[in-house]
C-alpha atoms as a PDB file:
ATOM      1  CA  MET A   1     -22.533 -11.492  17.809  1.00  0.00           C
ATOM      2  CA  ASP A   2     -18.846 -12.250  18.412  1.00  0.00           C
ATOM      3  CA  TYR A   3     -16.791  -9.055  18.174  1.00  0.00           C
ATOM      4  CA  THR A   4     -14.488 -10.519  15.502  1.00  0.00           C
ATOM      5  CA  HIS A   5     -17.526 -11.086  13.268  1.00  0.00           C
ATOM      6  CA  VAL A   6     -18.655  -7.511  13.917  1.00  0.00           C
ATOM      7  CA  ASN A   7     -15.222  -6.361  12.752  1.00  0.00           C
ATOM      8  CA  SER A   8     -15.307  -8.580   9.682  1.00  0.00           C
ATOM      9  CA  LEU A   9     -18.600  -7.036   8.589  1.00  0.00           C
ATOM     10  CA  ALA A  10     -17.384  -3.523   9.405  1.00  0.00           C
ATOM     11  CA  ILE A  11     -14.292  -3.900   7.252  1.00  0.00           C
ATOM     12  CA  ASP A  12     -16.373  -5.309   4.394  1.00  0.00           C
ATOM     13  CA  LYS A  13     -18.459  -2.132   4.619  1.00  0.00           C
ATOM     14  CA  TRP A  14     -15.395   0.131   4.695  1.00  0.00           C
ATOM     15  CA  VAL A  15     -14.036  -1.574   1.578  1.00  0.00           C
ATOM     16  CA  ALA A  16     -17.350  -1.002  -0.250  1.00  0.00           C
ATOM     17  CA  GLU A  17     -17.113   2.671   0.740  1.00  0.00           C
ATOM     18  CA  GLY A  18     -13.595   3.061  -0.701  1.00  0.00           C
ATOM     19  CA  TRP A  19     -11.341   2.376   2.322  1.00  0.00           C
ATOM     20  CA  GLU A  20      -7.736   3.081   1.328  1.00  0.00           C
ATOM     21  CA  TRP A  21      -6.504  -0.231   2.761  1.00  0.00           C
ATOM     22  CA  GLY A  22      -8.957  -2.113   0.569  1.00  0.00           C
ATOM     23  CA  GLU A  23      -7.880  -0.547  -2.732  1.00  0.00           C
ATOM     24  CA  PRO A  24      -5.961  -3.122  -4.836  1.00  0.00           C
ATOM     25  CA  ILE A  25      -2.700  -2.185  -6.527  1.00  0.00           C
ATOM     26  CA  SER A  26      -2.609  -1.293 -10.196  1.00  0.00           C
ATOM     27  CA  ALA A  27      -1.313  -3.465 -13.009  1.00  0.00           C
ATOM     28  CA  GLU A  28       1.547  -0.977 -13.377  1.00  0.00           C
ATOM     29  CA  ALA A  29       2.588  -1.410  -9.728  1.00  0.00           C
ATOM     30  CA  TYR A  30       2.512  -5.182 -10.125  1.00  0.00           C
ATOM     31  CA  ALA A  31       4.661  -5.016 -13.270  1.00  0.00           C
ATOM     32  CA  ALA A  32       7.188  -2.786 -11.507  1.00  0.00           C
ATOM     33  CA  ALA A  33       7.369  -5.230  -8.590  1.00  0.00           C
ATOM     34  CA  ALA A  34       8.080  -8.061 -11.019  1.00  0.00           C
ATOM     35  CA  GLN A  35      11.104  -5.994 -12.125  1.00  0.00           C
ATOM     36  CA  GLY A  36      12.300  -5.599  -8.529  1.00  0.00           C
ATOM     37  CA  GLN A  37      10.925  -2.091  -8.003  1.00  0.00           C
ATOM     38  CA  TRP A  38       8.607  -2.190  -5.017  1.00  0.00           C
ATOM     39  CA  GLY A  39       7.874  -1.127  -1.477  1.00  0.00           C
ATOM     40  CA  VAL A  40       5.330  -2.263   1.097  1.00  0.00           C
ATOM     41  CA  LEU A  41       3.695  -0.739   4.179  1.00  0.00           C
ATOM     42  CA  LEU A  42       3.178  -2.089   7.682  1.00  0.00           C
ATOM     43  CA  THR A  43       2.067   1.365   8.841  1.00  0.00           C
ATOM     44  CA  PRO A  44       0.431   4.208   6.877  1.00  0.00           C
ATOM     45  CA  LEU A  45       3.334   6.137   5.376  1.00  0.00           C
ATOM     46  CA  LYS A  46       6.835   4.735   5.909  1.00  0.00           C
ATOM     47  CA  ALA A  47       7.995   1.886   3.663  1.00  0.00           C
ATOM     48  CA  VAL A  48       9.426  -1.231   5.290  1.00  0.00           C
ATOM     49  CA  PRO A  49      13.260  -1.339   4.974  1.00  0.00           C
ATOM     50  CA  LYS A  50      14.320  -3.935   2.413  1.00  0.00           C
ATOM     51  CA  GLU A  51      16.890  -5.160   4.946  1.00  0.00           C
ATOM     52  CA  TRP A  52      14.009  -6.560   6.980  1.00  0.00           C
ATOM     53  CA  PHE A  53      13.462  -9.185   4.271  1.00  0.00           C
ATOM     54  CA  ALA A  54      17.001 -10.552   4.459  1.00  0.00           C
ATOM     55  CA  PRO A  55      18.275 -13.186   3.876  1.00  0.00           C
ATOM     56  CA  TRP A  56      15.610 -13.878   1.248  1.00  0.00           C
ATOM     57  CA  PHE A  57      15.866 -10.481  -0.473  1.00  0.00           C
ATOM     58  CA  ASN A  58      18.116 -10.584  -3.532  1.00  0.00           C
ATOM     59  CA  GLU A  59      18.107  -7.806  -6.139  1.00  0.00           C
ATOM     60  CA  GLY A  60      14.434  -7.062  -5.564  1.00  0.00           C
ATOM     61  CA  ARG A  61      13.419 -10.724  -5.494  1.00  0.00           C
ATOM     62  CA  LEU A  62      12.092 -12.991  -2.731  1.00  0.00           C
ATOM     63  CA  ASP A  63      12.471 -16.293  -4.580  1.00  0.00           C
ATOM     64  CA  GLY A  64      12.272 -19.360  -2.363  1.00  0.00           C
ATOM     65  CA  CYS A  65      10.517 -17.491   0.460  1.00  0.00           C
ATOM     66  CA  ARG A  66       7.330 -18.921   1.979  1.00  0.00           C
ATOM     67  CA  LEU A  67       5.371 -15.869   3.193  1.00  0.00           C
ATOM     68  CA  LEU A  68       2.204 -15.502   5.276  1.00  0.00           C
ATOM     69  CA  GLY A  69       0.215 -12.281   5.006  1.00  0.00           C
ATOM     70  CA  LEU A  70      -1.527 -12.251   8.391  1.00  0.00           C
ATOM     71  CA  ALA A  71      -4.585  -9.967   8.355  1.00  0.00           C
ATOM     72  CA  SER A  72      -3.040  -8.644   5.152  1.00  0.00           C
ATOM     73  CA  GLY A  73      -5.871  -8.848   2.623  1.00  0.00           C
ATOM     74  CA  GLY A  74      -6.836  -6.065   0.261  1.00  0.00           C
ATOM     75  CA  GLY A  75      -4.775  -6.782  -2.823  1.00  0.00           C
ATOM     76  CA  GLN A  76      -1.924  -4.491  -1.819  1.00  0.00           C
ATOM     77  CA  GLN A  77       1.016  -6.295  -0.214  1.00  0.00           C
ATOM     78  CA  MET A  78       0.455  -9.882  -1.346  1.00  0.00           C
ATOM     79  CA  PRO A  79       0.513  -9.067  -5.074  1.00  0.00           C
ATOM     80  CA  ILE A  80       3.828  -7.266  -4.543  1.00  0.00           C
ATOM     81  CA  PHE A  81       5.344 -10.246  -2.751  1.00  0.00           C
ATOM     82  CA  SER A  82       3.979 -12.645  -5.353  1.00  0.00           C
ATOM     83  CA  ALA A  83       5.432 -10.546  -8.173  1.00  0.00           C
ATOM     84  CA  ALA A  84       8.773 -10.615  -6.356  1.00  0.00           C
ATOM     85  CA  GLY A  85       8.753 -14.419  -6.379  1.00  0.00           C
ATOM     86  CA  ALA A  86       7.534 -15.318  -2.887  1.00  0.00           C
ATOM     87  CA  ASP A  87       5.202 -18.277  -2.302  1.00  0.00           C
ATOM     88  CA  CYS A  88       2.338 -16.466  -0.566  1.00  0.00           C
ATOM     89  CA  VAL A  89      -0.584 -17.315   1.688  1.00  0.00           C
ATOM     90  CA  VAL A  90      -2.994 -14.571   2.768  1.00  0.00           C
ATOM     91  CA  PHE A  91      -5.121 -15.015   5.889  1.00  0.00           C
ATOM     92  CA  ASP A  92      -7.780 -12.416   6.659  1.00  0.00           C
ATOM     93  CA  ASN A  93     -11.191 -12.203   8.346  1.00  0.00           C
ATOM     94  CA  SER A  94     -12.778  -9.908   5.738  1.00  0.00           C
ATOM     95  CA  ALA A  95     -14.470 -11.472   2.719  1.00  0.00           C
ATOM     96  CA  ALA A  96     -14.197  -8.191   0.808  1.00  0.00           C
ATOM     97  CA  GLN A  97     -10.463  -7.917   1.440  1.00  0.00           C
ATOM     98  CA  LEU A  98      -9.942 -11.456   0.201  1.00  0.00           C
ATOM     99  CA  GLU A  99     -12.062 -10.821  -2.875  1.00  0.00           C
ATOM    100  CA  SER A 100      -9.574  -8.087  -3.776  1.00  0.00           C
ATOM    101  CA  GLU A 101      -6.793 -10.669  -3.474  1.00  0.00           C
ATOM    102  CA  ARG A 102      -8.632 -13.002  -5.862  1.00  0.00           C
ATOM    103  CA  MET A 103      -9.248 -10.209  -8.328  1.00  0.00           C
ATOM    104  CA  VAL A 104      -5.600  -9.143  -8.540  1.00  0.00           C
ATOM    105  CA  ALA A 105      -4.350 -12.746  -8.720  1.00  0.00           C
ATOM    106  CA  ALA A 106      -6.744 -13.482 -11.582  1.00  0.00           C
ATOM    107  CA  ARG A 107      -5.806 -10.253 -13.366  1.00  0.00           C
ATOM    108  CA  GLU A 108      -2.059 -10.892 -13.119  1.00  0.00           C
ATOM    109  CA  GLY A 109      -2.128 -14.674 -13.417  1.00  0.00           C
ATOM    110  CA  TYR A 110      -0.287 -15.776 -10.276  1.00  0.00           C
ATOM    111  CA  LYS A 111      -1.160 -18.387  -7.660  1.00  0.00           C
ATOM    112  CA  ILE A 112      -1.837 -17.520  -4.033  1.00  0.00           C
ATOM    113  CA  GLU A 113      -3.500 -19.452  -1.236  1.00  0.00           C
ATOM    114  CA  ILE A 114      -6.398 -17.393   0.147  1.00  0.00           C
ATOM    115  CA  ILE A 115      -7.911 -18.278   3.529  1.00  0.00           C
ATOM    116  CA  GLN A 116     -10.670 -16.489   5.418  1.00  0.00           C
ATOM    117  CA  GLY A 117     -10.305 -16.921   9.151  1.00  0.00           C
ATOM    118  CA  ASP A 118     -10.084 -15.398  12.604  1.00  0.00           C
ATOM    119  CA  MET A 119      -6.598 -14.820  14.020  1.00  0.00           C
ATOM    120  CA  THR A 120      -7.942 -15.052  17.570  1.00  0.00           C
ATOM    121  CA  LYS A 121      -8.167 -18.817  16.884  1.00  0.00           C
ATOM    122  CA  THR A 122      -5.425 -21.350  16.216  1.00  0.00           C
ATOM    123  CA  LEU A 123      -3.986 -20.606  12.780  1.00  0.00           C
ATOM    124  CA  PRO A 124      -4.626 -23.387  10.222  1.00  0.00           C
ATOM    125  CA  PHE A 125      -0.953 -23.950   9.484  1.00  0.00           C
ATOM    126  CA  ALA A 126       1.697 -26.457  10.465  1.00  0.00           C
ATOM    127  CA  ASP A 127       4.529 -25.711  12.853  1.00  0.00           C
ATOM    128  CA  ASN A 128       7.624 -24.186  11.215  1.00  0.00           C
ATOM    129  CA  GLU A 129       5.880 -23.499   7.884  1.00  0.00           C
ATOM    130  CA  PHE A 130       6.807 -19.915   6.966  1.00  0.00           C
ATOM    131  CA  ASP A 131       9.961 -17.880   6.443  1.00  0.00           C
ATOM    132  CA  ILE A 132       8.245 -14.493   6.808  1.00  0.00           C
ATOM    133  CA  ILE A 133       5.028 -13.317   8.438  1.00  0.00           C
ATOM    134  CA  PHE A 134       3.877  -9.900   7.244  1.00  0.00           C
ATOM    135  CA  HIS A 135       1.362  -8.475   9.723  1.00  0.00           C
ATOM    136  CA  PRO A 136       0.241  -4.880   9.018  1.00  0.00           C
ATOM    137  CA  VAL A 137      -1.632  -2.795  11.609  1.00  0.00           C
ATOM    138  CA  SER A 138      -4.572  -5.002  12.618  1.00  0.00           C
ATOM    139  CA  ASN A 139      -4.069  -6.372  16.117  1.00  0.00           C
ATOM    140  CA  CYS A 140      -6.009  -3.320  17.346  1.00  0.00           C
ATOM    141  CA  TYR A 141      -9.090  -5.371  16.365  1.00  0.00           C
ATOM    142  CA  VAL A 142      -8.157  -8.190  18.781  1.00  0.00           C
ATOM    143  CA  GLU A 143      -8.589  -8.177  22.550  1.00  0.00           C
ATOM    144  CA  ASP A 144      -5.844 -10.705  23.448  1.00  0.00           C
ATOM    145  CA  ILE A 145      -2.822 -10.276  21.195  1.00  0.00           C
ATOM    146  CA  SER A 146      -0.547 -12.608  23.168  1.00  0.00           C
ATOM    147  CA  HIS A 147      -2.230 -15.482  21.332  1.00  0.00           C
ATOM    148  CA  ILE A 148      -1.261 -13.931  17.985  1.00  0.00           C
ATOM    149  CA  TRP A 149       2.411 -13.703  18.932  1.00  0.00           C
ATOM    150  CA  ARG A 150       2.462 -17.319  20.148  1.00  0.00           C
ATOM    151  CA  GLU A 151       0.852 -18.536  16.941  1.00  0.00           C
ATOM    152  CA  CYS A 152       3.287 -16.528  14.825  1.00  0.00           C
ATOM    153  CA  TRP A 153       6.171 -18.126  16.707  1.00  0.00           C
ATOM    154  CA  ARG A 154       4.688 -21.577  16.159  1.00  0.00           C
ATOM    155  CA  VAL A 155       4.193 -21.325  12.392  1.00  0.00           C
ATOM    156  CA  LEU A 156       7.507 -19.585  11.622  1.00  0.00           C
ATOM    157  CA  LYS A 157      10.561 -21.626  10.734  1.00  0.00           C
ATOM    158  CA  PRO A 158      13.666 -21.235  12.908  1.00  0.00           C
ATOM    159  CA  GLY A 159      15.401 -18.160  11.552  1.00  0.00           C
ATOM    160  CA  GLY A 160      12.087 -16.805  10.260  1.00  0.00           C
ATOM    161  CA  VAL A 161      10.982 -13.227  10.823  1.00  0.00           C
ATOM    162  CA  LEU A 162       7.794 -11.511  11.941  1.00  0.00           C
ATOM    163  CA  LEU A 163       7.197  -8.019  10.521  1.00  0.00           C
ATOM    164  CA  SER A 164       4.428  -6.250  12.449  1.00  0.00           C
ATOM    165  CA  GLY A 165       2.722  -2.876  12.301  1.00  0.00           C
ATOM    166  CA  MET A 166       0.994  -1.584  15.431  1.00  0.00           C
ATOM    167  CA  CYS A 167      -1.103   1.330  16.628  1.00  0.00           C
ATOM    168  CA  LYS A 168       0.099   3.068  19.801  1.00  0.00           C
ATOM    169  CA  ASP A 169      -2.328   2.860  22.681  1.00  0.00           C
ATOM    170  CA  PHE A 170      -2.580   6.592  23.451  1.00  0.00           C
ATOM    171  CA  VAL A 171      -4.564   7.278  20.265  1.00  0.00           C
ATOM    172  CA  TYR A 172      -7.560   5.725  22.032  1.00  0.00           C
ATOM    173  CA  LEU A 173      -7.580   8.537  24.575  1.00  0.00           C
ATOM    174  CA  PHE A 174      -9.263  10.675  21.927  1.00  0.00           C
ATOM    175  CA  ASP A 175     -12.527  10.597  19.988  1.00  0.00           C
ATOM    176  CA  GLU A 176     -12.228  10.923  16.224  1.00  0.00           C
ATOM    177  CA  GLU A 177     -14.566  13.905  16.108  1.00  0.00           C
ATOM    178  CA  ASN A 178     -12.358  15.857  18.540  1.00  0.00           C
ATOM    179  CA  SER A 179      -9.017  14.132  18.328  1.00  0.00           C
ATOM    180  CA  LEU A 180      -7.012  16.594  20.468  1.00  0.00           C
ATOM    181  CA  GLU A 181      -9.291  16.485  23.491  1.00  0.00           C
ATOM    182  CA  ILE A 182      -8.880  13.577  25.895  1.00  0.00           C
ATOM    183  CA  ALA A 183     -12.152  11.694  26.030  1.00  0.00           C
ATOM    184  CA  ARG A 184     -11.441   8.554  28.081  1.00  0.00           C
ATOM    185  CA  LYS A 185      -8.972   6.553  30.130  1.00  0.00           C
ATOM    186  CA  LEU A 186      -6.931   3.592  28.972  1.00  0.00           C
ATOM    187  CA  PRO A 187      -7.138   0.726  28.359  1.00  0.00           C
ATOM    188  CA  TYR A 188      -9.716   1.104  25.601  1.00  0.00           C
ATOM    189  CA  ASN A 189     -11.881  -2.028  25.584  1.00  0.00           C
ATOM    190  CA  PRO A 190     -15.497  -1.777  24.389  1.00  0.00           C
ATOM    191  CA  LEU A 191     -16.184  -5.327  25.578  1.00  0.00           C
ATOM    192  CA  LYS A 192     -15.923  -4.039  29.146  1.00  0.00           C
ATOM    193  CA  ASP A 193     -17.936  -0.861  28.592  1.00  0.00           C
ATOM    194  CA  PRO A 194     -21.447  -1.297  27.100  1.00  0.00           C
ATOM    195  CA  GLU A 195     -21.807   2.430  26.432  1.00  0.00           C
ATOM    196  CA  LEU A 196     -18.507   2.548  24.564  1.00  0.00           C
ATOM    197  CA  TYR A 197     -19.427  -0.611  22.642  1.00  0.00           C
ATOM    198  CA  ALA A 198     -22.722   0.936  21.529  1.00  0.00           C
ATOM    199  CA  LYS A 199     -20.923   4.114  20.437  1.00  0.00           C
ATOM    200  CA  ALA A 200     -18.290   2.157  18.485  1.00  0.00           C
ATOM    201  CA  VAL A 201     -21.022   0.314  16.594  1.00  0.00           C
ATOM    202  CA  ALA A 202     -23.083   3.467  16.012  1.00  0.00           C
ATOM    203  CA  GLU A 203     -20.043   5.425  14.765  1.00  0.00           C
ATOM    204  CA  ASP A 204     -18.859   2.534  12.568  1.00  0.00           C
ATOM    205  CA  TRP A 205     -15.450   2.331  14.271  1.00  0.00           C
ATOM    206  CA  GLY A 206     -15.347  -1.428  14.520  1.00  0.00           C
ATOM    207  CA  ILE A 207     -14.581  -3.013  17.890  1.00  0.00           C
ATOM    208  CA  GLN A 208     -11.022  -1.922  18.615  1.00  0.00           C
ATOM    209  CA  PHE A 209      -8.670  -2.290  21.586  1.00  0.00           C
ATOM    210  CA  SER A 210      -5.689  -0.346  22.894  1.00  0.00           C
ATOM    211  CA  HIS A 211      -2.450  -2.280  23.447  1.00  0.00           C
ATOM    212  CA  GLY A 212       0.575  -0.854  25.239  1.00  0.00           C
ATOM    213  CA  LEU A 213       4.230  -1.728  24.725  1.00  0.00           C
ATOM    214  CA  GLU A 214       4.021  -4.438  27.375  1.00  0.00           C
ATOM    215  CA  GLU A 215       1.520  -6.284  25.172  1.00  0.00           C
ATOM    216  CA  GLN A 216       2.965  -5.296  21.800  1.00  0.00           C
ATOM    217  CA  ILE A 217       6.705  -5.728  22.225  1.00  0.00           C
ATOM    218  CA  GLY A 218       6.738  -7.545  25.544  1.00  0.00           C
ATOM    219  CA  GLY A 219       4.274 -10.060  24.132  1.00  0.00           C
ATOM    220  CA  GLN A 220       6.605 -10.827  21.239  1.00  0.00           C
ATOM    221  CA  LEU A 221       9.530 -11.304  23.602  1.00  0.00           C
ATOM    222  CA  ARG A 222       7.547 -13.606  25.889  1.00  0.00           C
ATOM    223  CA  ALA A 223       6.489 -15.667  22.876  1.00  0.00           C
ATOM    224  CA  GLY A 224      10.177 -16.323  22.220  1.00  0.00           C
ATOM    225  CA  PHE A 225      11.067 -13.703  19.614  1.00  0.00           C
ATOM    226  CA  THR A 226      14.189 -11.568  19.561  1.00  0.00           C
ATOM    227  CA  LEU A 227      13.555  -7.923  18.661  1.00  0.00           C
ATOM    228  CA  ALA A 228      15.908  -7.005  15.812  1.00  0.00           C
ATOM    229  CA  ASP A 229      14.708  -3.549  14.710  1.00  0.00           C
ATOM    230  CA  ILE A 230      11.936  -0.987  15.132  1.00  0.00           C
ATOM    231  CA  TYR A 231      10.684   2.235  13.553  1.00  0.00           C
ATOM    232  CA  GLU A 232       7.895   4.735  14.199  1.00  0.00           C
ATOM    233  CA  ASP A 233       5.423   6.269  11.780  1.00  0.00           C
ATOM    234  CA  THR A 234       2.509   8.677  11.715  1.00  0.00           C
ATOM    235  CA  ASP A 235      -0.445   9.260   9.387  1.00  0.00           C
ATOM    236  CA  ASN A 236      -1.813  12.065   7.249  1.00  0.00           C
ATOM    237  CA  LEU A 237      -5.212  12.308   8.942  1.00  0.00           C
ATOM    238  CA  GLY A 238      -4.564  15.330  11.135  1.00  0.00           C
ATOM    239  CA  GLY A 239      -5.138  15.384  14.884  1.00  0.00           C
ATOM    240  CA  ILE A 240      -2.633  13.794  17.231  1.00  0.00           C
ATOM    241  CA  GLY A 241      -0.666  12.333  14.301  1.00  0.00           C
ATOM    242  CA  ASP A 242       0.415  15.870  13.393  1.00  0.00           C
ATOM    243  CA  TYR A 243       2.333  16.094  16.677  1.00  0.00           C
ATOM    244  CA  LEU A 244       3.977  12.723  17.291  1.00  0.00           C
ATOM    245  CA  PRO A 245       4.275   9.208  15.828  1.00  0.00           C
ATOM    246  CA  VAL A 246       1.139   7.156  16.371  1.00  0.00           C
ATOM    247  CA  PHE A 247       2.323   3.849  14.864  1.00  0.00           C
ATOM    248  CA  LEU A 248       5.316   1.580  15.242  1.00  0.00           C
ATOM    249  CA  ALA A 249       6.681  -1.394  13.334  1.00  0.00           C
ATOM    250  CA  THR A 250       8.862  -4.197  14.618  1.00  0.00           C
ATOM    251  CA  LEU A 251      11.150  -6.812  13.124  1.00  0.00           C
ATOM    252  CA  ALA A 252      11.205  -9.897  15.348  1.00  0.00           C
ATOM    253  CA  VAL A 253      13.277 -13.039  14.725  1.00  0.00           C
ATOM    254  CA  LYS A 254      12.631 -16.648  15.716  1.00  0.00           C
ATOM    255  CA  LYS A 255      16.101 -17.857  16.612  1.00  0.00           C
END
């Protein structure tokens, strides 16, 4: 079975078990967003600066903005953007995550284009189609992320922005059951280690991959982007995240 399909099924299972990133927003949160009161996450805890949505952001609104939620299903960010006036498309490989998108859209009565697909393939969009791509932490489920950056560059309009959340590679040094004891070397790639692959499946981790700054930020630069801003974040899960930031987010511009 292709590893992206393994991950799709794993995430469907996590959602059924109550995964926090598969919990749709409330009607109250949607109503607040419609009044310009909202925040969104690329990483677990720190809200994305509103300045990152300029020049489309105006008094809490994103009217006239064509926005792609890339691997952004779950009924969390896309309802917020839709309430704020953006014309949204969500692209995700998890059927359960997209079902949450349909549920919230039906509940609140807005239109959104919902597409299930694999971001390791060519994206089903025209060149220069979007103003903003919102890409929360998810490229850790893809072996070759350079393809993702090239596709993001292709489908963004000139002047468009890519907002990305990323997991730092050193977290894969540790096993979840003993997260402060180094368990392996980097890079972390179960496709090149049958024993690690079997453990990832048995432990229900999904098939994940470590990516260093050369791939994460360097890959964006090589795709043609200009890095405009960056911040770091952690999580509230204990372990290494109690000691240093384990996530980063970038704002990249197609000039």
